[in-house]
Each structure stands twice: as C-alpha cells, then as structure tokens.
Amino acid sequence: MNQTIEFEKNTRVLIDELKSVCANYGLGNDGNEFKIITQVFLYKFLNDKFAYEIRQLDDELARADNPAAVPREMSGPEYELLMM
C-alpha cells in the first residue's frame, strides 16, 4: 500500500514537471501537451519494462551495479541473443 502511494506521488511530480516544460516552450494547455506527456510515459514504461525483463534473463545484469553498461560490453552474438 505504501509503495502505491509513493508511486502515485512520483507520477504526479513527473506530470507536473512535464507540464512545466511544455508551458515553458509554449505548449501549455495545448493538444500537443497531452501527446508529449503520453509519449514520455509510454517511453518510460517500455524502457523500465525492458530493463526489468532483461535483468530476469541474465544473472550478470541482475547483479550489476550499473546494468546499462553490461550490454555495451557484450559481444555481438551475445548481445543479439539477449535481445531475442
């Protein structure tokens, strides 16, 4: 329950920050503001989901301090296998 409240709080902060950025660039209260916020959330969701899934598949990624650096160090075939 507490984790859900924290997630909602962080989500609201992220939306407020995105709205602020849109307003600073002249897109506040515009139809494009909704599109931008929706696309950012979709990108973040897919990126987080991808990172979670590959950590489940590879023990080295699960133990890594910086999981984003591990795929960069993989060989071509090893990286392709992970992406499958």
Protein backbone atom coordinates (compact mmCIF):
# COMPACT_ATOMS: atom_id res chain seq x y z
CA MET A 1 0.00 0.00 0.00
CA ASN A 2 2.76 2.43 0.96
CA GLN A 3 4.61 1.67 -2.27
CA THR A 4 1.49 2.52 -4.28
CA ILE A 5 1.19 5.90 -2.58
CA GLU A 6 4.85 6.64 -3.31
CA PHE A 7 4.38 5.63 -6.95
CA GLU A 8 1.34 7.93 -7.29
CA LYS A 9 3.28 10.79 -5.71
CA ASN A 10 6.24 10.32 -8.07
CA THR A 11 3.89 10.09 -11.05
CA ARG A 12 2.18 13.36 -10.14
CA VAL A 13 5.56 15.07 -9.72
CA LEU A 14 6.65 13.79 -13.13
CA ILE A 15 3.43 15.05 -14.75
CA ASP A 16 3.82 18.46 -13.12
CA GLU A 17 7.42 18.71 -14.33
CA LEU A 18 6.42 17.70 -17.87
CA LYS A 19 3.62 20.27 -17.86
CA SER A 20 6.09 22.90 -16.72
CA VAL A 21 8.46 22.05 -19.57
CA CYS A 22 5.58 22.16 -22.07
CA ALA A 23 4.44 25.54 -20.71
CA ASN A 24 7.98 26.94 -20.91
CA TYR A 25 8.11 26.06 -24.60
CA GLY A 26 4.67 27.39 -25.46
CA LEU A 27 2.76 24.11 -25.49
CA GLY A 28 0.85 24.57 -22.22
CA ASN A 29 -2.89 23.80 -22.39
CA ASP A 30 -2.46 22.63 -25.97
CA GLY A 31 -3.49 19.31 -27.50
CA ASN A 32 0.17 18.58 -28.16
CA GLU A 33 0.90 18.78 -24.44
CA PHE A 34 -1.22 15.67 -23.89
CA LYS A 35 0.58 13.87 -26.73
CA ILE A 36 4.01 14.74 -25.35
CA ILE A 37 3.17 13.61 -21.81
CA THR A 38 1.59 10.39 -23.10
CA GLN A 39 4.60 9.59 -25.28
CA VAL A 40 7.04 10.24 -22.44
CA PHE A 41 5.10 7.91 -20.15
CA LEU A 42 4.94 5.24 -22.84
CA TYR A 43 8.68 5.50 -23.47
CA LYS A 44 9.46 5.35 -19.73
CA PHE A 45 7.16 2.37 -19.22
CA LEU A 46 8.65 0.43 -22.13
CA ASN A 47 12.20 1.28 -21.09
CA ASP A 48 11.61 0.23 -17.47
CA LYS A 49 9.80 -2.95 -18.55
CA PHE A 50 12.64 -3.85 -20.93
CA ALA A 51 15.26 -3.28 -18.22
CA TYR A 52 13.27 -5.41 -15.76
CA GLU A 53 12.84 -8.27 -18.24
CA ILE A 54 16.49 -8.49 -19.28
CA ARG A 55 17.55 -8.47 -15.62
CA GLN A 56 15.33 -11.52 -15.14
CA LEU A 57 17.05 -13.31 -18.04
CA ASP A 58 20.69 -12.61 -17.32
CA ASP A 59 22.34 -13.18 -13.93
CA GLU A 60 25.19 -10.80 -14.74
CA LEU A 61 22.70 -7.98 -15.36
CA ALA A 62 20.78 -8.79 -12.20
CA ARG A 63 23.92 -8.47 -10.07
CA ALA A 64 25.43 -5.46 -11.87
CA ASP A 65 25.76 -2.11 -10.13
CA ASN A 66 25.26 -0.37 -13.48
CA PRO A 67 23.07 -2.67 -15.62
CA ALA A 68 23.08 -0.24 -18.56
CA ALA A 69 26.82 -0.73 -19.03
CA VAL A 70 26.71 -4.54 -19.22
CA PRO A 71 25.08 -4.85 -22.68
CA ARG A 72 27.63 -2.40 -24.09
CA GLU A 73 30.41 -4.76 -23.05
CA MET A 74 28.78 -7.86 -24.59
CA SER A 75 29.98 -9.32 -27.86
CA GLY A 76 27.75 -9.02 -30.92
CA PRO A 77 26.27 -12.56 -30.84
CA GLU A 78 25.86 -12.48 -27.05
CA TYR A 79 24.01 -9.14 -27.28
CA GLU A 80 21.76 -10.40 -30.09
CA LEU A 81 20.88 -13.49 -28.05
CA LEU A 82 19.91 -11.29 -25.10
CA MET A 83 17.68 -9.15 -27.36
CA MET A 84 15.83 -12.24 -28.58
